[in-house]
Amino acid sequence: MFLTQELFRITFNTAFIGTDNLLEVNRNEISPECLQKNTLRFTDQFKCKIYFKDFCKNGCSSNKTPLLQICKECKNIMMTEIDKWNEATTILKSNPRFSVD
C-alpha cells in the first residue's frame, strides 16, 4: 500500500522548461503561499528539480525540431494545436526583438 502526502504544489507553462528538459523551482515559487514562509520545512536553499524526457520515439525534440519538420505521429498528437503554434511562430518571427528558428 502506498501512502501519499502532498508536500507542495507548482503550476507552470511548458514554455518555461529549458532546452535541458529541466524545470527548477525554489521555495518562493511553491504553493500554497504559507509554505513559502515555512523556513522550518523548506529552507532558503530548497530547490525542486523536475526532469522531463522527450515524448517522441522518432527523434523529434520540442526545442530542436522545427515545427514544419516534426514526424507524422507528433503532428497527429498536436493536430488541434499546430495552427496556433504556426501562428505564434509567425508573430515572433515578425518581431525583431525575438529570435526564432
PDB file of N, CA and C in Angstrom:
ATOM      1  N   MET A   1       0.832  -1.169   0.000  1.00  0.00           N
ATOM      2  CA  MET A   1       0.000   0.000   0.000  1.00  0.00           C
ATOM      3  C   MET A   1       0.885   1.243   0.000  1.00  0.00           C
ATOM      4  N   PHE A   2       0.549   2.193  -0.860  1.00  0.00           N
ATOM      5  CA  PHE A   2       1.289   3.444  -0.937  1.00  0.00           C
ATOM      6  C   PHE A   2       0.505   4.544  -0.251  1.00  0.00           C
ATOM      7  N   LEU A   3       1.183   5.276   0.591  1.00  0.00           N
ATOM      8  CA  LEU A   3       0.588   6.453   1.204  1.00  0.00           C
ATOM      9  C   LEU A   3       1.169   7.675   0.516  1.00  0.00           C
ATOM     10  N   THR A   4       0.312   8.575   0.147  1.00  0.00           N
ATOM     11  CA  THR A   4       0.798   9.793  -0.497  1.00  0.00           C
ATOM     12  C   THR A   4       0.456  10.992   0.358  1.00  0.00           C
ATOM     13  N   GLN A   5       1.341  11.933   0.352  1.00  0.00           N
ATOM     14  CA  GLN A   5       1.131  13.168   1.079  1.00  0.00           C
ATOM     15  C   GLN A   5       1.621  14.309   0.196  1.00  0.00           C
ATOM     16  N   GLU A   6       0.802  15.299   0.052  1.00  0.00           N
ATOM     17  CA  GLU A   6       1.189  16.444  -0.749  1.00  0.00           C
ATOM     18  C   GLU A   6       2.193  17.291   0.017  1.00  0.00           C
ATOM     19  N   LEU A   7       3.341  17.558  -0.615  1.00  0.00           N
ATOM     20  CA  LEU A   7       4.342  18.426   0.001  1.00  0.00           C
ATOM     21  C   LEU A   7       4.096  19.882  -0.354  1.00  0.00           C
ATOM     22  N   PHE A   8       3.799  20.119  -1.630  1.00  0.00           N
ATOM     23  CA  PHE A   8       3.536  21.459  -2.141  1.00  0.00           C
ATOM     24  C   PHE A   8       2.983  21.318  -3.551  1.00  0.00           C
ATOM     25  N   ARG A   9       2.563  22.430  -4.126  1.00  0.00           N
ATOM     26  CA  ARG A   9       2.060  22.440  -5.495  1.00  0.00           C
ATOM     27  C   ARG A   9       2.855  23.454  -6.312  1.00  0.00           C
ATOM     28  N   ILE A  10       2.946  23.170  -7.602  1.00  0.00           N
ATOM     29  CA  ILE A  10       3.509  24.153  -8.530  1.00  0.00           C
ATOM     30  C   ILE A  10       2.623  24.166  -9.778  1.00  0.00           C
ATOM     31  N   THR A  11       2.593  25.302 -10.421  1.00  0.00           N
ATOM     32  CA  THR A  11       1.906  25.448 -11.692  1.00  0.00           C
ATOM     33  C   THR A  11       2.874  26.157 -12.621  1.00  0.00           C
ATOM     34  N   PHE A  12       2.969  25.675 -13.850  1.00  0.00           N
ATOM     35  CA  PHE A  12       3.904  26.284 -14.778  1.00  0.00           C
ATOM     36  C   PHE A  12       3.433  26.091 -16.207  1.00  0.00           C
ATOM     37  N   ASN A  13       3.934  26.926 -17.082  1.00  0.00           N
ATOM     38  CA  ASN A  13       3.715  26.803 -18.507  1.00  0.00           C
ATOM     39  C   ASN A  13       4.886  26.006 -19.071  1.00  0.00           C
ATOM     40  N   THR A  14       4.622  25.087 -19.970  1.00  0.00           N
ATOM     41  CA  THR A  14       5.697  24.258 -20.518  1.00  0.00           C
ATOM     42  C   THR A  14       6.749  25.078 -21.258  1.00  0.00           C
ATOM     43  N   ALA A  15       6.426  26.318 -21.605  1.00  0.00           N
ATOM     44  CA  ALA A  15       7.416  27.176 -22.254  1.00  0.00           C
ATOM     45  C   ALA A  15       8.600  27.471 -21.329  1.00  0.00           C
ATOM     46  N   PHE A  16       8.406  27.289 -20.019  1.00  0.00           N
ATOM     47  CA  PHE A  16       9.482  27.560 -19.063  1.00  0.00           C
ATOM     48  C   PHE A  16      10.416  26.374 -18.862  1.00  0.00           C
ATOM     49  N   ILE A  17      10.153  25.259 -19.535  1.00  0.00           N
ATOM     50  CA  ILE A  17      11.062  24.114 -19.469  1.00  0.00           C
ATOM     51  C   ILE A  17      12.214  24.410 -20.413  1.00  0.00           C
ATOM     52  N   GLY A  18      13.424  24.438 -19.883  1.00  0.00           N
ATOM     53  CA  GLY A  18      14.594  24.804 -20.676  1.00  0.00           C
ATOM     54  C   GLY A  18      14.987  23.748 -21.681  1.00  0.00           C
ATOM     55  N   THR A  19      15.988  24.064 -22.493  1.00  0.00           N
ATOM     56  CA  THR A  19      16.460  23.144 -23.515  1.00  0.00           C
ATOM     57  C   THR A  19      17.095  21.896 -22.904  1.00  0.00           C
ATOM     58  N   ASP A  20      17.413  21.951 -21.620  1.00  0.00           N
ATOM     59  CA  ASP A  20      17.964  20.792 -20.928  1.00  0.00           C
ATOM     60  C   ASP A  20      16.857  19.898 -20.340  1.00  0.00           C
ATOM     61  N   ASN A  21      15.595  20.205 -20.661  1.00  0.00           N
ATOM     62  CA  ASN A  21      14.431  19.452 -20.160  1.00  0.00           C
ATOM     63  C   ASN A  21      14.354  19.454 -18.634  1.00  0.00           C
ATOM     64  N   LEU A  22      14.736  20.548 -18.036  1.00  0.00           N
ATOM     65  CA  LEU A  22      14.759  20.673 -16.586  1.00  0.00           C
ATOM     66  C   LEU A  22      13.983  21.911 -16.154  1.00  0.00           C
ATOM     67  N   LEU A  23      13.161  21.739 -15.152  1.00  0.00           N
ATOM     68  CA  LEU A  23      12.462  22.858 -14.523  1.00  0.00           C
ATOM     69  C   LEU A  23      12.894  22.870 -13.068  1.00  0.00           C
ATOM     70  N   GLU A  24      13.411  24.001 -12.619  1.00  0.00           N
ATOM     71  CA  GLU A  24      13.889  24.118 -11.248  1.00  0.00           C
ATOM     72  C   GLU A  24      13.036  25.139 -10.508  1.00  0.00           C
ATOM     73  N   VAL A  25      12.534  24.747  -9.351  1.00  0.00           N
ATOM     74  CA  VAL A  25      11.631  25.589  -8.567  1.00  0.00           C
ATOM     75  C   VAL A  25      12.248  25.818  -7.191  1.00  0.00           C
ATOM     76  N   ASN A  26      12.211  27.065  -6.729  1.00  0.00           N
ATOM     77  CA  ASN A  26      12.716  27.333  -5.380  1.00  0.00           C
ATOM     78  C   ASN A  26      11.549  27.556  -4.420  1.00  0.00           C
ATOM     79  N   ARG A  27      11.839  27.798  -3.183  1.00  0.00           N
ATOM     80  CA  ARG A  27      10.812  27.927  -2.148  1.00  0.00           C
ATOM     81  C   ARG A  27       9.793  29.028  -2.452  1.00  0.00           C
ATOM     82  N   ASN A  28      10.238  30.123  -3.032  1.00  0.00           N
ATOM     83  CA  ASN A  28       9.343  31.238  -3.314  1.00  0.00           C
ATOM     84  C   ASN A  28       8.400  30.981  -4.479  1.00  0.00           C
ATOM     85  N   GLU A  29       8.521  29.833  -5.134  1.00  0.00           N
ATOM     86  CA  GLU A  29       7.685  29.522  -6.285  1.00  0.00           C
ATOM     87  C   GLU A  29       6.694  28.392  -6.022  1.00  0.00           C
ATOM     88  N   ILE A  30       6.626  27.912  -4.797  1.00  0.00           N
ATOM     89  CA  ILE A  30       5.705  26.826  -4.484  1.00  0.00           C
ATOM     90  C   ILE A  30       4.399  27.373  -3.918  1.00  0.00           C
ATOM     91  N   SER A  31       3.384  26.539  -3.941  1.00  0.00           N
ATOM     92  CA  SER A  31       2.073  26.895  -3.374  1.00  0.00           C
ATOM     93  C   SER A  31       1.685  25.826  -2.365  1.00  0.00           C
ATOM     94  N   PRO A  32       0.864  26.106  -1.434  1.00  0.00           N
ATOM     95  CA  PRO A  32       0.287  27.403  -1.111  1.00  0.00           C
ATOM     96  C   PRO A  32       1.333  28.342  -0.515  1.00  0.00           C
ATOM     97  N   GLU A  33       1.002  29.609  -0.512  1.00  0.00           N
ATOM     98  CA  GLU A  33       1.938  30.652  -0.096  1.00  0.00           C
ATOM     99  C   GLU A  33       2.437  30.462   1.334  1.00  0.00           C
ATOM    100  N   CYS A  34       1.617  29.887   2.200  1.00  0.00           N
ATOM    101  CA  CYS A  34       2.051  29.695   3.590  1.00  0.00           C
ATOM    102  C   CYS A  34       3.304  28.816   3.674  1.00  0.00           C
ATOM    103  N   LEU A  35       3.502  27.935   2.686  1.00  0.00           N
ATOM    104  CA  LEU A  35       4.702  27.087   2.683  1.00  0.00           C
ATOM    105  C   LEU A  35       5.953  27.882   2.331  1.00  0.00           C
ATOM    106  N   GLN A  36       5.784  28.940   1.558  1.00  0.00           N
ATOM    107  CA  GLN A  36       6.934  29.790   1.217  1.00  0.00           C
ATOM    108  C   GLN A  36       7.542  30.407   2.464  1.00  0.00           C
ATOM    109  N   LYS A  37       6.712  30.616   3.455  1.00  0.00           N
ATOM    110  CA  LYS A  37       7.162  31.258   4.701  1.00  0.00           C
ATOM    111  C   LYS A  37       7.604  30.247   5.758  1.00  0.00           C
ATOM    112  N   ASN A  38       7.381  28.974   5.502  1.00  0.00           N
ATOM    113  CA  ASN A  38       7.711  27.924   6.466  1.00  0.00           C
ATOM    114  C   ASN A  38       9.183  27.533   6.303  1.00  0.00           C
ATOM    115  N   THR A  39      10.061  28.281   6.953  1.00  0.00           N
ATOM    116  CA  THR A  39      11.502  28.033   6.813  1.00  0.00           C
ATOM    117  C   THR A  39      11.962  26.793   7.570  1.00  0.00           C
ATOM    118  N   LEU A  40      11.136  26.256   8.446  1.00  0.00           N
ATOM    119  CA  LEU A  40      11.491  25.005   9.117  1.00  0.00           C
ATOM    120  C   LEU A  40      11.313  23.822   8.168  1.00  0.00           C
ATOM    121  N   ARG A  41      10.290  23.880   7.359  1.00  0.00           N
ATOM    122  CA  ARG A  41      10.016  22.782   6.428  1.00  0.00           C
ATOM    123  C   ARG A  41      10.803  22.932   5.127  1.00  0.00           C
ATOM    124  N   PHE A  42      10.918  24.184   4.645  1.00  0.00           N
ATOM    125  CA  PHE A  42      11.634  24.466   3.405  1.00  0.00           C
ATOM    126  C   PHE A  42      12.641  25.577   3.657  1.00  0.00           C
ATOM    127  N   THR A  43      13.910  25.245   3.622  1.00  0.00           N
ATOM    128  CA  THR A  43      14.960  26.226   3.905  1.00  0.00           C
ATOM    129  C   THR A  43      15.151  27.173   2.723  1.00  0.00           C
ATOM    130  N   ASP A  44      15.975  28.185   2.920  1.00  0.00           N
ATOM    131  CA  ASP A  44      16.287  29.121   1.827  1.00  0.00           C
ATOM    132  C   ASP A  44      16.976  28.413   0.660  1.00  0.00           C
ATOM    133  N   GLN A  45      17.638  27.297   0.938  1.00  0.00           N
ATOM    134  CA  GLN A  45      18.356  26.556  -0.101  1.00  0.00           C
ATOM    135  C   GLN A  45      17.463  25.541  -0.828  1.00  0.00           C
ATOM    136  N   PHE A  46      16.188  25.472  -0.467  1.00  0.00           N
ATOM    137  CA  PHE A  46      15.283  24.493  -1.067  1.00  0.00           C
ATOM    138  C   PHE A  46      15.178  24.684  -2.577  1.00  0.00           C
ATOM    139  N   LYS A  47      15.294  23.571  -3.309  1.00  0.00           N
ATOM    140  CA  LYS A  47      15.077  23.559  -4.757  1.00  0.00           C
ATOM    141  C   LYS A  47      14.435  22.227  -5.107  1.00  0.00           C
ATOM    142  N   CYS A  48      13.506  22.281  -6.001  1.00  0.00           N
ATOM    143  CA  CYS A  48      12.889  21.082  -6.536  1.00  0.00           C
ATOM    144  C   CYS A  48      13.235  21.047  -8.021  1.00  0.00           C
ATOM    145  N   LYS A  49      13.881  19.982  -8.453  1.00  0.00           N
ATOM    146  CA  LYS A  49      14.247  19.848  -9.861  1.00  0.00           C
ATOM    147  C   LYS A  49      13.345  18.789 -10.485  1.00  0.00           C
ATOM    148  N   ILE A  50      12.710  19.178 -11.582  1.00  0.00           N
ATOM    149  CA  ILE A  50      11.819  18.269 -12.292  1.00  0.00           C
ATOM    150  C   ILE A  50      12.420  18.029 -13.670  1.00  0.00           C
ATOM    151  N   TYR A  51      12.717  16.770 -13.955  1.00  0.00           N
ATOM    152  CA  TYR A  51      13.322  16.394 -15.219  1.00  0.00           C
ATOM    153  C   TYR A  51      12.261  15.835 -16.155  1.00  0.00           C
ATOM    154  N   PHE A  52      12.286  16.268 -17.397  1.00  0.00           N
ATOM    155  CA  PHE A  52      11.350  15.803 -18.413  1.00  0.00           C
ATOM    156  C   PHE A  52      12.128  15.036 -19.476  1.00  0.00           C
ATOM    157  N   LYS A  53      11.442  14.126 -20.135  1.00  0.00           N
ATOM    158  CA  LYS A  53      12.073  13.455 -21.262  1.00  0.00           C
ATOM    159  C   LYS A  53      11.236  13.720 -22.501  1.00  0.00           C
ATOM    160  N   ASP A  54      11.884  13.671 -23.661  1.00  0.00           N
ATOM    161  CA  ASP A  54      11.168  13.902 -24.899  1.00  0.00           C
ATOM    162  C   ASP A  54      10.155  12.790 -25.119  1.00  0.00           C
ATOM    163  N   PHE A  55       8.991  13.155 -25.591  1.00  0.00           N
ATOM    164  CA  PHE A  55       7.880  12.234 -25.780  1.00  0.00           C
ATOM    165  C   PHE A  55       8.034  11.396 -27.043  1.00  0.00           C
ATOM    166  N   CYS A  56       8.557  11.990 -28.088  1.00  0.00           N
ATOM    167  CA  CYS A  56       8.600  11.356 -29.404  1.00  0.00           C
ATOM    168  C   CYS A  56       9.611  10.208 -29.453  1.00  0.00           C
ATOM    169  N   LYS A  57       9.155   9.091 -30.011  1.00  0.00           N
ATOM    170  CA  LYS A  57      10.039   7.927 -30.181  1.00  0.00           C
ATOM    171  C   LYS A  57      10.780   7.976 -31.513  1.00  0.00           C
ATOM    172  N   ASN A  58      10.422   8.955 -32.359  1.00  0.00           N
ATOM    173  CA  ASN A  58      11.039   9.068 -33.690  1.00  0.00           C
ATOM    174  C   ASN A  58      12.146  10.111 -33.745  1.00  0.00           C
ATOM    175  N   GLY A  59      12.432  10.746 -32.621  1.00  0.00           N
ATOM    176  CA  GLY A  59      13.546  11.681 -32.574  1.00  0.00           C
ATOM    177  C   GLY A  59      13.185  13.151 -32.598  1.00  0.00           C
ATOM    178  N   CYS A  60      11.894  13.481 -32.672  1.00  0.00           N
ATOM    179  CA  CYS A  60      11.520  14.896 -32.611  1.00  0.00           C
ATOM    180  C   CYS A  60      11.853  15.422 -31.212  1.00  0.00           C
ATOM    181  N   SER A  61      12.391  16.606 -31.178  1.00  0.00           N
ATOM    182  CA  SER A  61      12.712  17.250 -29.909  1.00  0.00           C
ATOM    183  C   SER A  61      12.015  18.597 -29.876  1.00  0.00           C
ATOM    184  N   SER A  62      11.295  18.855 -28.802  1.00  0.00           N
ATOM    185  CA  SER A  62      10.489  20.076 -28.722  1.00  0.00           C
ATOM    186  C   SER A  62      11.310  21.345 -28.858  1.00  0.00           C
ATOM    187  N   ASN A  63      12.575  21.297 -28.498  1.00  0.00           N
ATOM    188  CA  ASN A  63      13.378  22.518 -28.555  1.00  0.00           C
ATOM    189  C   ASN A  63      14.373  22.516 -29.708  1.00  0.00           C
ATOM    190  N   LYS A  64      14.367  21.481 -30.545  1.00  0.00           N
ATOM    191  CA  LYS A  64      15.335  21.415 -31.645  1.00  0.00           C
ATOM    192  C   LYS A  64      14.687  21.189 -33.003  1.00  0.00           C
ATOM    193  N   THR A  65      13.607  20.438 -33.055  1.00  0.00           N
ATOM    194  CA  THR A  65      12.980  20.101 -34.329  1.00  0.00           C
ATOM    195  C   THR A  65      12.042  21.221 -34.761  1.00  0.00           C
ATOM    196  N   PRO A  66      12.295  21.815 -35.935  1.00  0.00           N
ATOM    197  CA  PRO A  66      11.375  22.854 -36.419  1.00  0.00           C
ATOM    198  C   PRO A  66       9.958  22.294 -36.568  1.00  0.00           C
ATOM    199  N   LEU A  67       8.987  23.111 -36.286  1.00  0.00           N
ATOM    200  CA  LEU A  67       7.593  22.689 -36.292  1.00  0.00           C
ATOM    201  C   LEU A  67       7.193  22.041 -37.615  1.00  0.00           C
ATOM    202  N   LEU A  68       7.683  22.578 -38.719  1.00  0.00           N
ATOM    203  CA  LEU A  68       7.319  22.033 -40.028  1.00  0.00           C
ATOM    204  C   LEU A  68       8.000  20.699 -40.329  1.00  0.00           C
ATOM    205  N   GLN A  69       8.939  20.286 -39.479  1.00  0.00           N
ATOM    206  CA  GLN A  69       9.668  19.042 -39.720  1.00  0.00           C
ATOM    207  C   GLN A  69       9.353  17.940 -38.710  1.00  0.00           C
ATOM    208  N   ILE A  70       8.373  18.148 -37.842  1.00  0.00           N
ATOM    209  CA  ILE A  70       8.056  17.098 -36.871  1.00  0.00           C
ATOM    210  C   ILE A  70       7.441  15.895 -37.575  1.00  0.00           C
ATOM    211  N   CYS A  71       7.573  14.740 -36.970  1.00  0.00           N
ATOM    212  CA  CYS A  71       7.114  13.494 -37.571  1.00  0.00           C
ATOM    213  C   CYS A  71       5.580  13.415 -37.612  1.00  0.00           C
ATOM    214  N   LYS A  72       5.092  12.445 -38.354  1.00  0.00           N
ATOM    215  CA  LYS A  72       3.651  12.274 -38.546  1.00  0.00           C
ATOM    216  C   LYS A  72       2.931  12.017 -37.218  1.00  0.00           C
ATOM    217  N   GLU A  73       3.528  11.207 -36.354  1.00  0.00           N
ATOM    218  CA  GLU A  73       2.897  10.906 -35.062  1.00  0.00           C
ATOM    219  C   GLU A  73       2.765  12.164 -34.197  1.00  0.00           C
ATOM    220  N   CYS A  74       3.800  12.988 -34.175  1.00  0.00           N
ATOM    221  CA  CYS A  74       3.737  14.236 -33.396  1.00  0.00           C
ATOM    222  C   CYS A  74       2.713  15.188 -33.987  1.00  0.00           C
ATOM    223  N   LYS A  75       2.621  15.245 -35.320  1.00  0.00           N
ATOM    224  CA  LYS A  75       1.610  16.097 -35.961  1.00  0.00           C
ATOM    225  C   LYS A  75       0.214  15.637 -35.575  1.00  0.00           C
ATOM    226  N   ASN A  76       0.008  14.330 -35.517  1.00  0.00           N
ATOM    227  CA  ASN A  76      -1.307  13.809 -35.141  1.00  0.00           C
ATOM    228  C   ASN A  76      -1.653  14.172 -33.702  1.00  0.00           C
ATOM    229  N   ILE A  77      -0.677  14.113 -32.815  1.00  0.00           N
ATOM    230  CA  ILE A  77      -0.905  14.457 -31.413  1.00  0.00           C
ATOM    231  C   ILE A  77      -1.191  15.949 -31.272  1.00  0.00           C
ATOM    232  N   MET A  78      -0.479  16.759 -32.051  1.00  0.00           N
ATOM    233  CA  MET A  78      -0.615  18.220 -31.968  1.00  0.00           C
ATOM    234  C   MET A  78      -1.693  18.768 -32.891  1.00  0.00           C
ATOM    235  N   MET A  79      -2.441  17.902 -33.521  1.00  0.00           N
ATOM    236  CA  MET A  79      -3.375  18.306 -34.573  1.00  0.00           C
ATOM    237  C   MET A  79      -4.183  19.557 -34.224  1.00  0.00           C
ATOM    238  N   THR A  80      -4.755  19.601 -33.049  1.00  0.00           N
ATOM    239  CA  THR A  80      -5.604  20.736 -32.686  1.00  0.00           C
ATOM    240  C   THR A  80      -4.797  21.978 -32.318  1.00  0.00           C
ATOM    241  N   GLU A  81      -3.522  21.834 -32.067  1.00  0.00           N
ATOM    242  CA  GLU A  81      -2.695  22.965 -31.618  1.00  0.00           C
ATOM    243  C   GLU A  81      -1.726  23.473 -32.677  1.00  0.00           C
ATOM    244  N   ILE A  82      -1.467  22.693 -33.701  1.00  0.00           N
ATOM    245  CA  ILE A  82      -0.388  23.030 -34.636  1.00  0.00           C
ATOM    246  C   ILE A  82      -0.608  24.368 -35.335  1.00  0.00           C
ATOM    247  N   ASP A  83      -1.862  24.705 -35.667  1.00  0.00           N
ATOM    248  CA  ASP A  83      -2.140  26.004 -36.296  1.00  0.00           C
ATOM    249  C   ASP A  83      -1.799  27.154 -35.353  1.00  0.00           C
ATOM    250  N   LYS A  84      -2.091  26.982 -34.068  1.00  0.00           N
ATOM    251  CA  LYS A  84      -1.779  28.023 -33.083  1.00  0.00           C
ATOM    252  C   LYS A  84      -0.264  28.196 -32.934  1.00  0.00           C
ATOM    253  N   TRP A  85       0.476  27.080 -32.966  1.00  0.00           N
ATOM    254  CA  TRP A  85       1.935  27.151 -32.878  1.00  0.00           C
ATOM    255  C   TRP A  85       2.508  27.844 -34.113  1.00  0.00           C
ATOM    256  N   ASN A  86       1.968  27.536 -35.300  1.00  0.00           N
ATOM    257  CA  ASN A  86       2.421  28.203 -36.523  1.00  0.00           C
ATOM    258  C   ASN A  86       2.157  29.698 -36.452  1.00  0.00           C
ATOM    259  N   GLU A  87       0.999  30.084 -35.959  1.00  0.00           N
ATOM    260  CA  GLU A  87       0.657  31.496 -35.828  1.00  0.00           C
ATOM    261  C   GLU A  87       1.590  32.208 -34.850  1.00  0.00           C
ATOM    262  N   ALA A  88       1.858  31.562 -33.712  1.00  0.00           N
ATOM    263  CA  ALA A  88       2.770  32.153 -32.724  1.00  0.00           C
ATOM    264  C   ALA A  88       4.166  32.313 -33.306  1.00  0.00           C
ATOM    265  N   THR A  89       4.637  31.321 -34.055  1.00  0.00           N
ATOM    266  CA  THR A  89       5.961  31.393 -34.675  1.00  0.00           C
ATOM    267  C   THR A  89       6.022  32.534 -35.682  1.00  0.00           C
ATOM    268  N   THR A  90       4.979  32.698 -36.474  1.00  0.00           N
ATOM    269  CA  THR A  90       4.921  33.793 -37.450  1.00  0.00           C
ATOM    270  C   THR A  90       4.976  35.150 -36.749  1.00  0.00           C
ATOM    271  N   ILE A  91       4.239  35.296 -35.669  1.00  0.00           N
ATOM    272  CA  ILE A  91       4.228  36.561 -34.915  1.00  0.00           C
ATOM    273  C   ILE A  91       5.611  36.842 -34.341  1.00  0.00           C
ATOM    274  N   LEU A  92       6.237  35.824 -33.752  1.00  0.00           N
ATOM    275  CA  LEU A  92       7.569  36.022 -33.171  1.00  0.00           C
ATOM    276  C   LEU A  92       8.603  36.368 -34.239  1.00  0.00           C
ATOM    277  N   LYS A  93       8.517  35.711 -35.394  1.00  0.00           N
ATOM    278  CA  LYS A  93       9.478  35.999 -36.471  1.00  0.00           C
ATOM    279  C   LYS A  93       9.317  37.418 -37.003  1.00  0.00           C
ATOM    280  N   SER A  94       8.113  37.969 -36.933  1.00  0.00           N
ATOM    281  CA  SER A  94       7.887  39.323 -37.445  1.00  0.00           C
ATOM    282  C   SER A  94       8.319  40.399 -36.453  1.00  0.00           C
ATOM    283  N   ASN A  95       8.669  40.009 -35.241  1.00  0.00           N
ATOM    284  CA  ASN A  95       9.085  40.950 -34.220  1.00  0.00           C
ATOM    285  C   ASN A  95      10.609  40.910 -34.101  1.00  0.00           C
ATOM    286  N   PRO A  96      11.305  41.998 -34.405  1.00  0.00           N
ATOM    287  CA  PRO A  96      12.774  41.985 -34.384  1.00  0.00           C
ATOM    288  C   PRO A  96      13.388  41.753 -33.002  1.00  0.00           C
ATOM    289  N   ARG A  97      12.593  41.881 -31.934  1.00  0.00           N
ATOM    290  CA  ARG A  97      13.145  41.665 -30.582  1.00  0.00           C
ATOM    291  C   ARG A  97      13.354  40.194 -30.268  1.00  0.00           C
ATOM    292  N   PHE A  98      12.731  39.295 -31.056  1.00  0.00           N
ATOM    293  CA  PHE A  98      12.810  37.867 -30.772  1.00  0.00           C
ATOM    294  C   PHE A  98      13.580  37.150 -31.864  1.00  0.00           C
ATOM    295  N   SER A  99      14.210  36.052 -31.487  1.00  0.00           N
ATOM    296  CA  SER A  99      14.925  35.216 -32.439  1.00  0.00           C
ATOM    297  C   SER A  99      14.298  33.837 -32.434  1.00  0.00           C
ATOM    298  N   VAL A 100      13.692  33.456 -33.544  1.00  0.00           N
ATOM    299  CA  VAL A 100      13.026  32.151 -33.652  1.00  0.00           C
ATOM    300  C   VAL A 100      13.563  31.472 -34.896  1.00  0.00           C
ATOM    301  N   ASP A 101      13.979  30.222 -34.728  1.00  0.00           N
ATOM    302  CA  ASP A 101      14.467  29.451 -35.880  1.00  0.00           C
ATOM    303  C   ASP A 101      13.347  28.665 -36.503  1.00  0.00           C
TER     304      ASP A 101
END
